[in-house]
Structure formats: structure tokens, C-alpha cells
Amino acid sequence: PPPPEAAVLPKIAARRPSALPPAPALRLELPLALGSGPHLGPMAAPSVVSANELTALVSIPPQYPPAARLRRVEGYVELEFTIGADGQVSDPEVLHAEPAEVFEQAALAAIARWLFEPERRDGRPVPIRASYRFSFRLRER
């Protein structure tokens, strides 16, 4: 006989999952030639290039802010700007700065004085957007 503490469990009828309708067959038609994939169109130029990949004709370093130097604060500023067909910098904007509100003005003043070899497409100079990161580091004496 079963031990008295064992409870008799009621039988539970197993339920079958409802039958799902079959998935529709998928048919993809891609015209592929041997050795190539589908044509995706002409590759677009990147919208922003690193200024490190360009030729800077004039690159004046930023002035270290005196208050930051006195407090021995270091950091960086990431900028994005337009390099015109004439190589001049315009429309600079701060993307990120660490610490905030310490080095931005020095970086903006410096990049405004830079001059680049213009980017060329089909032999003609064209404006482009570029980015650059200024690092502000104190040198040990």
C-alpha cells in the first residue's frame, strides 16, 4: 500500500497544441550574376571625414585656458566643421567636451584659423564636413 502521506494526484488530460496553419512559402527573386551580388547603386561618400585624413596647410594649436592650466585640468574637445572649396573652416560646432565648459572656446578659436587642402571630386574643389579632436594635456616640467 502507498504511504499515508502520499497524496493521490488527479490525472490531467494532456492537451495538444492547436494545429497551426502551415507557413506560406517565401519566394525571393534576386537577379544575381556569377561573381557579383545585387547592385546597390553608387557608394555615397561619408558625410563626415576625420580631419586627420586631410592635409592641413595651417594648423594653429589652441591656447590652453589659463584657469585650466592653473587648476591643472586636462581634457578634450571633439569638433565638427565644414571645410569649404577654398579650404577655409566654417560652421564649427562642439560635439563633445570633457570636462564641459572648459576648453570649448579655445578649440573653436583654433579651428577657425586652420586651412586645409580642399577636397576634390572630379578634379573640382568641393566643401566637406570634417571632425577633429583637440586634446588638452599639461606637460610635466
N, C-alpha and C. Protein backbone atom coordinates (compact mmCIF):
# COMPACT_ATOMS: atom_id res chain seq x y z
N PRO A 1 0.83 -1.19 0.00
CA PRO A 1 0.00 0.00 0.00
C PRO A 1 0.87 1.26 0.00
N PRO A 2 0.36 2.32 -0.64
CA PRO A 2 1.16 3.57 -0.65
C PRO A 2 1.24 4.17 0.74
N PRO A 3 2.35 4.89 0.99
CA PRO A 3 2.46 5.51 2.32
C PRO A 3 1.32 6.51 2.53
N PRO A 4 0.89 6.67 3.77
CA PRO A 4 -0.26 7.52 4.02
C PRO A 4 -0.03 8.98 3.66
N GLU A 5 1.24 9.47 3.68
CA GLU A 5 1.47 10.88 3.37
C GLU A 5 1.46 11.18 1.87
N ALA A 6 1.50 10.18 1.04
CA ALA A 6 1.48 10.41 -0.41
C ALA A 6 0.07 10.75 -0.83
N ALA A 7 -0.10 11.86 -1.45
CA ALA A 7 -1.42 12.29 -1.92
C ALA A 7 -1.65 11.73 -3.30
N VAL A 8 -2.85 11.46 -3.56
CA VAL A 8 -3.21 10.96 -4.88
C VAL A 8 -3.47 12.17 -5.76
N LEU A 9 -2.71 12.28 -6.85
CA LEU A 9 -2.87 13.41 -7.76
C LEU A 9 -3.88 13.06 -8.83
N PRO A 10 -4.75 14.00 -9.14
CA PRO A 10 -5.72 13.71 -10.19
C PRO A 10 -5.01 13.64 -11.53
N LYS A 11 -5.54 12.85 -12.42
CA LYS A 11 -4.98 12.76 -13.76
C LYS A 11 -5.38 14.00 -14.54
N ILE A 12 -4.39 14.57 -15.22
CA ILE A 12 -4.66 15.74 -16.06
C ILE A 12 -4.54 15.29 -17.49
N ALA A 13 -5.56 15.56 -18.21
CA ALA A 13 -5.53 15.17 -19.62
C ALA A 13 -4.55 16.07 -20.36
N ALA A 14 -3.70 15.45 -21.10
CA ALA A 14 -2.73 16.23 -21.88
C ALA A 14 -3.46 16.93 -23.02
N ARG A 15 -3.19 18.24 -23.12
CA ARG A 15 -3.82 18.99 -24.20
C ARG A 15 -2.83 19.14 -25.33
N ARG A 16 -3.30 18.91 -26.50
CA ARG A 16 -2.44 19.10 -27.66
C ARG A 16 -2.54 20.54 -28.11
N PRO A 17 -1.41 21.10 -28.52
CA PRO A 17 -1.50 22.47 -29.03
C PRO A 17 -2.35 22.49 -30.29
N SER A 18 -3.06 23.58 -30.43
CA SER A 18 -3.90 23.67 -31.63
C SER A 18 -3.00 23.66 -32.85
N ALA A 19 -3.48 23.05 -33.86
CA ALA A 19 -2.69 22.94 -35.08
C ALA A 19 -2.58 24.31 -35.74
N LEU A 20 -1.39 24.72 -36.05
CA LEU A 20 -1.16 25.99 -36.74
C LEU A 20 -1.21 25.76 -38.23
N PRO A 21 -1.74 26.73 -38.95
CA PRO A 21 -1.73 26.57 -40.40
C PRO A 21 -0.30 26.59 -40.91
N PRO A 22 -0.01 25.92 -41.97
CA PRO A 22 1.37 25.92 -42.48
C PRO A 22 1.79 27.32 -42.90
N ALA A 23 3.05 27.61 -42.68
CA ALA A 23 3.58 28.93 -43.07
C ALA A 23 3.62 29.03 -44.58
N PRO A 24 3.29 30.21 -45.11
CA PRO A 24 3.33 30.36 -46.56
C PRO A 24 4.78 30.27 -47.04
N ALA A 25 4.96 29.73 -48.18
CA ALA A 25 6.31 29.61 -48.76
C ALA A 25 6.77 30.99 -49.20
N LEU A 26 8.01 31.29 -48.87
CA LEU A 26 8.59 32.57 -49.28
C LEU A 26 9.40 32.35 -50.55
N ARG A 27 9.24 33.28 -51.44
CA ARG A 27 9.98 33.17 -52.69
C ARG A 27 10.67 34.50 -52.95
N LEU A 28 11.98 34.48 -52.99
CA LEU A 28 12.76 35.68 -53.27
C LEU A 28 13.37 35.55 -54.64
N GLU A 29 13.21 36.58 -55.42
CA GLU A 29 13.81 36.58 -56.75
C GLU A 29 14.79 37.73 -56.82
N LEU A 30 16.06 37.39 -56.80
CA LEU A 30 17.12 38.39 -56.92
C LEU A 30 17.93 38.07 -58.15
N PRO A 31 18.04 39.01 -59.06
CA PRO A 31 18.87 38.74 -60.24
C PRO A 31 20.34 38.80 -59.85
N LEU A 32 20.97 37.65 -59.83
CA LEU A 32 22.38 37.58 -59.46
C LEU A 32 23.17 37.00 -60.62
N ALA A 33 24.27 37.65 -60.92
CA ALA A 33 25.20 37.11 -61.91
C ALA A 33 26.32 36.42 -61.16
N LEU A 34 26.94 35.46 -61.78
CA LEU A 34 28.06 34.78 -61.13
C LEU A 34 29.14 35.78 -60.76
N GLY A 35 29.63 35.69 -59.53
CA GLY A 35 30.74 36.54 -59.11
C GLY A 35 30.31 37.93 -58.67
N SER A 36 29.03 38.19 -58.57
CA SER A 36 28.62 39.51 -58.10
C SER A 36 27.34 39.38 -57.30
N GLY A 37 27.05 40.40 -56.54
CA GLY A 37 25.83 40.43 -55.74
C GLY A 37 24.86 41.42 -56.36
N PRO A 38 23.76 41.67 -55.68
CA PRO A 38 22.81 42.63 -56.21
C PRO A 38 23.43 44.02 -56.26
N HIS A 39 23.06 44.79 -57.24
CA HIS A 39 23.61 46.14 -57.39
C HIS A 39 22.94 47.07 -56.38
N LEU A 40 23.72 47.74 -55.58
CA LEU A 40 23.19 48.62 -54.55
C LEU A 40 23.31 50.09 -54.93
N GLY A 41 23.74 50.38 -56.12
CA GLY A 41 23.89 51.77 -56.55
C GLY A 41 25.27 52.29 -56.18
N PRO A 42 25.56 53.53 -56.58
CA PRO A 42 26.89 54.09 -56.30
C PRO A 42 27.08 54.29 -54.80
N MET A 43 28.29 54.07 -54.36
CA MET A 43 28.60 54.25 -52.95
C MET A 43 28.67 55.74 -52.64
N ALA A 44 27.98 56.16 -51.61
CA ALA A 44 27.99 57.57 -51.22
C ALA A 44 29.25 57.85 -50.41
N ALA A 45 29.74 59.07 -50.56
CA ALA A 45 30.90 59.48 -49.77
C ALA A 45 30.46 59.63 -48.32
N PRO A 46 31.37 59.39 -47.37
CA PRO A 46 30.99 59.54 -45.97
C PRO A 46 30.56 60.99 -45.71
N SER A 47 29.59 61.17 -44.83
CA SER A 47 29.09 62.52 -44.59
C SER A 47 30.07 63.36 -43.78
N VAL A 48 30.87 62.72 -42.94
CA VAL A 48 31.87 63.44 -42.15
C VAL A 48 33.17 62.65 -42.21
N VAL A 49 34.26 63.33 -42.54
CA VAL A 49 35.57 62.67 -42.58
C VAL A 49 36.41 63.18 -41.43
N SER A 50 37.38 62.39 -41.01
CA SER A 50 38.30 62.83 -39.97
C SER A 50 39.30 63.81 -40.58
N ALA A 51 39.51 64.92 -39.93
CA ALA A 51 40.49 65.90 -40.41
C ALA A 51 41.89 65.31 -40.43
N ASN A 52 42.12 64.23 -39.67
CA ASN A 52 43.42 63.57 -39.68
C ASN A 52 43.72 62.95 -41.04
N GLU A 53 42.68 62.68 -41.84
CA GLU A 53 42.87 62.09 -43.17
C GLU A 53 43.10 63.16 -44.24
N LEU A 54 43.01 64.42 -43.87
CA LEU A 54 43.14 65.52 -44.82
C LEU A 54 44.48 66.22 -44.63
N THR A 55 44.83 67.07 -45.59
CA THR A 55 46.07 67.82 -45.50
C THR A 55 45.79 69.20 -44.94
N ALA A 56 46.27 69.46 -43.73
CA ALA A 56 46.13 70.77 -43.12
C ALA A 56 47.31 71.63 -43.58
N LEU A 57 47.01 72.75 -44.22
CA LEU A 57 48.06 73.67 -44.66
C LEU A 57 48.48 74.60 -43.52
N VAL A 58 47.52 74.96 -42.69
CA VAL A 58 47.78 75.77 -41.50
C VAL A 58 47.04 75.11 -40.34
N SER A 59 47.75 74.78 -39.29
CA SER A 59 47.12 74.16 -38.12
C SER A 59 47.70 74.77 -36.85
N ILE A 60 47.03 75.78 -36.38
CA ILE A 60 47.48 76.52 -35.19
C ILE A 60 46.90 75.84 -33.95
N PRO A 61 47.76 75.47 -33.00
CA PRO A 61 47.24 74.79 -31.80
C PRO A 61 46.42 75.76 -30.94
N PRO A 62 45.50 75.24 -30.17
CA PRO A 62 44.69 76.11 -29.30
C PRO A 62 45.51 76.63 -28.12
N GLN A 63 45.09 77.76 -27.61
CA GLN A 63 45.69 78.32 -26.40
C GLN A 63 45.11 77.58 -25.20
N TYR A 64 45.97 77.12 -24.31
CA TYR A 64 45.48 76.44 -23.10
C TYR A 64 44.84 77.50 -22.21
N PRO A 65 43.61 77.33 -21.81
CA PRO A 65 42.97 78.34 -20.96
C PRO A 65 43.75 78.51 -19.65
N PRO A 66 44.10 79.75 -19.30
CA PRO A 66 44.90 79.98 -18.08
C PRO A 66 44.27 79.40 -16.81
N ALA A 67 42.96 79.51 -16.65
CA ALA A 67 42.31 78.99 -15.44
C ALA A 67 42.45 77.47 -15.38
N ALA A 68 42.34 76.80 -16.51
CA ALA A 68 42.50 75.35 -16.55
C ALA A 68 43.95 74.96 -16.25
N ARG A 69 44.89 75.73 -16.78
CA ARG A 69 46.31 75.45 -16.52
C ARG A 69 46.61 75.61 -15.03
N LEU A 70 46.08 76.67 -14.44
CA LEU A 70 46.31 76.94 -13.02
C LEU A 70 45.73 75.83 -12.15
N ARG A 71 44.58 75.31 -12.52
CA ARG A 71 43.94 74.24 -11.76
C ARG A 71 44.43 72.86 -12.20
N ARG A 72 45.32 72.81 -13.20
CA ARG A 72 45.90 71.58 -13.73
C ARG A 72 44.82 70.63 -14.27
N VAL A 73 43.86 71.21 -14.99
CA VAL A 73 42.77 70.46 -15.60
C VAL A 73 43.17 70.06 -17.01
N GLU A 74 42.94 68.81 -17.37
CA GLU A 74 43.18 68.31 -18.72
C GLU A 74 41.87 67.82 -19.30
N GLY A 75 41.80 67.70 -20.63
CA GLY A 75 40.58 67.22 -21.25
C GLY A 75 40.68 67.21 -22.75
N TYR A 76 39.52 67.24 -23.41
CA TYR A 76 39.49 67.22 -24.87
C TYR A 76 38.20 67.86 -25.37
N VAL A 77 38.21 68.21 -26.66
CA VAL A 77 37.04 68.76 -27.33
C VAL A 77 36.96 68.11 -28.71
N GLU A 78 35.80 67.55 -29.02
CA GLU A 78 35.55 66.99 -30.35
C GLU A 78 34.70 67.99 -31.13
N LEU A 79 35.19 68.36 -32.31
CA LEU A 79 34.51 69.34 -33.15
C LEU A 79 34.09 68.73 -34.47
N GLU A 80 33.07 69.32 -35.07
CA GLU A 80 32.69 69.03 -36.45
C GLU A 80 32.57 70.38 -37.14
N PHE A 81 33.01 70.45 -38.40
CA PHE A 81 33.04 71.72 -39.11
C PHE A 81 33.02 71.47 -40.61
N THR A 82 32.81 72.55 -41.36
CA THR A 82 32.83 72.48 -42.81
C THR A 82 34.17 73.01 -43.32
N ILE A 83 34.74 72.29 -44.26
CA ILE A 83 35.91 72.79 -44.99
C ILE A 83 35.40 73.17 -46.36
N GLY A 84 35.47 74.45 -46.66
CA GLY A 84 34.93 74.95 -47.92
C GLY A 84 35.80 74.57 -49.11
N ALA A 85 35.28 74.86 -50.30
CA ALA A 85 36.03 74.60 -51.53
C ALA A 85 37.32 75.41 -51.56
N ASP A 86 37.40 76.47 -50.75
CA ASP A 86 38.62 77.28 -50.66
C ASP A 86 39.56 76.80 -49.55
N GLY A 87 39.16 75.75 -48.80
CA GLY A 87 39.99 75.21 -47.73
C GLY A 87 39.77 75.87 -46.38
N GLN A 88 38.93 76.91 -46.34
CA GLN A 88 38.65 77.62 -45.09
C GLN A 88 37.67 76.81 -44.24
N VAL A 89 37.80 76.96 -42.93
CA VAL A 89 36.91 76.29 -41.98
C VAL A 89 35.74 77.22 -41.66
N SER A 90 34.54 76.64 -41.64
CA SER A 90 33.34 77.40 -41.24
C SER A 90 32.39 76.49 -40.49
N ASP A 91 31.40 77.06 -39.88
CA ASP A 91 30.34 76.35 -39.17
C ASP A 91 30.85 75.33 -38.15
N PRO A 92 31.83 75.69 -37.32
CA PRO A 92 32.29 74.70 -36.33
C PRO A 92 31.25 74.52 -35.23
N GLU A 93 31.15 73.28 -34.76
CA GLU A 93 30.27 73.01 -33.62
C GLU A 93 30.93 71.97 -32.72
N VAL A 94 30.67 72.11 -31.44
CA VAL A 94 31.22 71.19 -30.44
C VAL A 94 30.31 69.96 -30.38
N LEU A 95 30.91 68.80 -30.61
CA LEU A 95 30.17 67.54 -30.48
C LEU A 95 30.21 67.03 -29.04
N HIS A 96 31.40 67.14 -28.43
CA HIS A 96 31.57 66.64 -27.06
C HIS A 96 32.79 67.31 -26.46
N ALA A 97 32.73 67.59 -25.19
CA ALA A 97 33.86 68.18 -24.48
C ALA A 97 33.93 67.60 -23.08
N GLU A 98 35.14 67.32 -22.64
CA GLU A 98 35.36 66.76 -21.31
C GLU A 98 36.56 67.44 -20.69
N PRO A 99 36.42 68.11 -19.57
CA PRO A 99 35.19 68.47 -18.91
C PRO A 99 34.44 69.55 -19.69
N ALA A 100 33.17 69.64 -19.45
CA ALA A 100 32.33 70.59 -20.17
C ALA A 100 32.66 72.03 -19.73
N GLU A 101 32.53 72.95 -20.68
CA GLU A 101 32.67 74.39 -20.46
C GLU A 101 34.05 74.81 -19.96
N VAL A 102 35.09 74.10 -20.40
CA VAL A 102 36.46 74.47 -20.02
C VAL A 102 37.29 74.79 -21.26
N PHE A 103 37.28 73.90 -22.27
CA PHE A 103 38.17 74.02 -23.41
C PHE A 103 37.47 74.38 -24.73
N GLU A 104 36.15 74.46 -24.74
CA GLU A 104 35.42 74.64 -25.98
C GLU A 104 35.82 75.90 -26.74
N GLN A 105 35.88 77.04 -26.04
CA GLN A 105 36.19 78.30 -26.74
C GLN A 105 37.59 78.29 -27.34
N ALA A 106 38.55 77.71 -26.63
CA ALA A 106 39.92 77.62 -27.15
C ALA A 106 39.96 76.76 -28.40
N ALA A 107 39.22 75.65 -28.40
CA ALA A 107 39.20 74.75 -29.56
C ALA A 107 38.52 75.42 -30.75
N LEU A 108 37.40 76.10 -30.51
CA LEU A 108 36.68 76.79 -31.60
C LEU A 108 37.53 77.91 -32.20
N ALA A 109 38.22 78.66 -31.35
CA ALA A 109 39.08 79.75 -31.84
C ALA A 109 40.23 79.19 -32.68
N ALA A 110 40.78 78.06 -32.27
CA ALA A 110 41.90 77.47 -33.01
C ALA A 110 41.45 76.93 -34.36
N ILE A 111 40.36 76.15 -34.40
CA ILE A 111 39.95 75.51 -35.66
C ILE A 111 39.53 76.56 -36.68
N ALA A 112 39.04 77.69 -36.23
CA ALA A 112 38.62 78.76 -37.15
C ALA A 112 39.81 79.31 -37.93
N ARG A 113 41.03 79.12 -37.43
CA ARG A 113 42.23 79.64 -38.09
C ARG A 113 42.93 78.60 -38.96
N TRP A 114 42.43 77.37 -38.97
CA TRP A 114 43.04 76.32 -39.78
C TRP A 114 42.69 76.50 -41.25
N LEU A 115 43.55 75.96 -42.10
CA LEU A 115 43.34 75.98 -43.54
C LEU A 115 43.72 74.60 -44.08
N PHE A 116 42.86 74.06 -44.93
CA PHE A 116 43.08 72.72 -45.46
C PHE A 116 43.23 72.74 -46.98
N GLU A 117 43.91 71.73 -47.47
CA GLU A 117 43.91 71.46 -48.91
C GLU A 117 42.47 71.03 -49.22
N PRO A 118 41.80 71.71 -50.15
CA PRO A 118 40.40 71.37 -50.41
C PRO A 118 40.23 69.93 -50.92
N GLU A 119 39.12 69.35 -50.56
CA GLU A 119 38.74 68.03 -51.07
C GLU A 119 38.35 68.20 -52.53
N ARG A 120 38.72 67.24 -53.36
CA ARG A 120 38.39 67.35 -54.79
C ARG A 120 37.57 66.15 -55.23
N ARG A 121 36.56 66.44 -56.05
CA ARG A 121 35.76 65.40 -56.69
C ARG A 121 35.67 65.77 -58.16
N ASP A 122 36.02 64.81 -58.99
CA ASP A 122 36.08 65.04 -60.43
C ASP A 122 36.97 66.23 -60.76
N GLY A 123 38.05 66.39 -59.99
CA GLY A 123 39.02 67.45 -60.23
C GLY A 123 38.63 68.82 -59.72
N ARG A 124 37.46 68.95 -59.14
CA ARG A 124 36.98 70.25 -58.65
C ARG A 124 36.96 70.28 -57.12
N PRO A 125 37.35 71.41 -56.52
CA PRO A 125 37.27 71.50 -55.05
C PRO A 125 35.81 71.56 -54.60
N VAL A 126 35.50 70.82 -53.54
CA VAL A 126 34.14 70.76 -53.02
C VAL A 126 34.17 70.91 -51.50
N PRO A 127 33.12 71.48 -50.92
CA PRO A 127 33.06 71.57 -49.46
C PRO A 127 32.74 70.19 -48.86
N ILE A 128 33.27 69.93 -47.67
CA ILE A 128 33.00 68.68 -46.95
C ILE A 128 32.86 68.97 -45.47
N ARG A 129 32.25 68.05 -44.75
CA ARG A 129 32.19 68.12 -43.29
C ARG A 129 33.33 67.26 -42.75
N ALA A 130 33.97 67.77 -41.71
CA ALA A 130 35.09 67.06 -41.10
C ALA A 130 34.96 67.14 -39.59
N SER A 131 35.70 66.28 -38.91
CA SER A 131 35.73 66.29 -37.45
C SER A 131 37.17 66.26 -36.98
N TYR A 132 37.38 66.77 -35.79
CA TYR A 132 38.72 66.77 -35.21
C TYR A 132 38.59 66.78 -33.69
N ARG A 133 39.54 66.13 -33.03
CA ARG A 133 39.56 66.10 -31.56
C ARG A 133 40.82 66.79 -31.07
N PHE A 134 40.63 67.88 -30.34
CA PHE A 134 41.74 68.57 -29.69
C PHE A 134 41.92 67.97 -28.30
N SER A 135 43.14 67.56 -27.97
CA SER A 135 43.45 67.08 -26.62
C SER A 135 44.20 68.18 -25.88
N PHE A 136 43.80 68.43 -24.69
CA PHE A 136 44.45 69.43 -23.84
C PHE A 136 45.17 68.70 -22.72
N ARG A 137 46.49 68.64 -22.82
CA ARG A 137 47.33 67.92 -21.85
C ARG A 137 48.43 68.86 -21.35
N LEU A 138 48.67 68.81 -20.07
CA LEU A 138 49.75 69.59 -19.47
C LEU A 138 51.04 68.80 -19.55
N ARG A 139 52.11 69.49 -19.84
CA ARG A 139 53.42 68.83 -19.89
C ARG A 139 54.08 68.97 -18.52
N GLU A 140 54.73 67.91 -18.11
CA GLU A 140 55.47 67.96 -16.85
C GLU A 140 56.79 68.69 -17.09
N ARG A 141 57.19 69.49 -16.14
CA ARG A 141 58.47 70.24 -16.29
C ARG A 141 59.58 69.53 -15.59
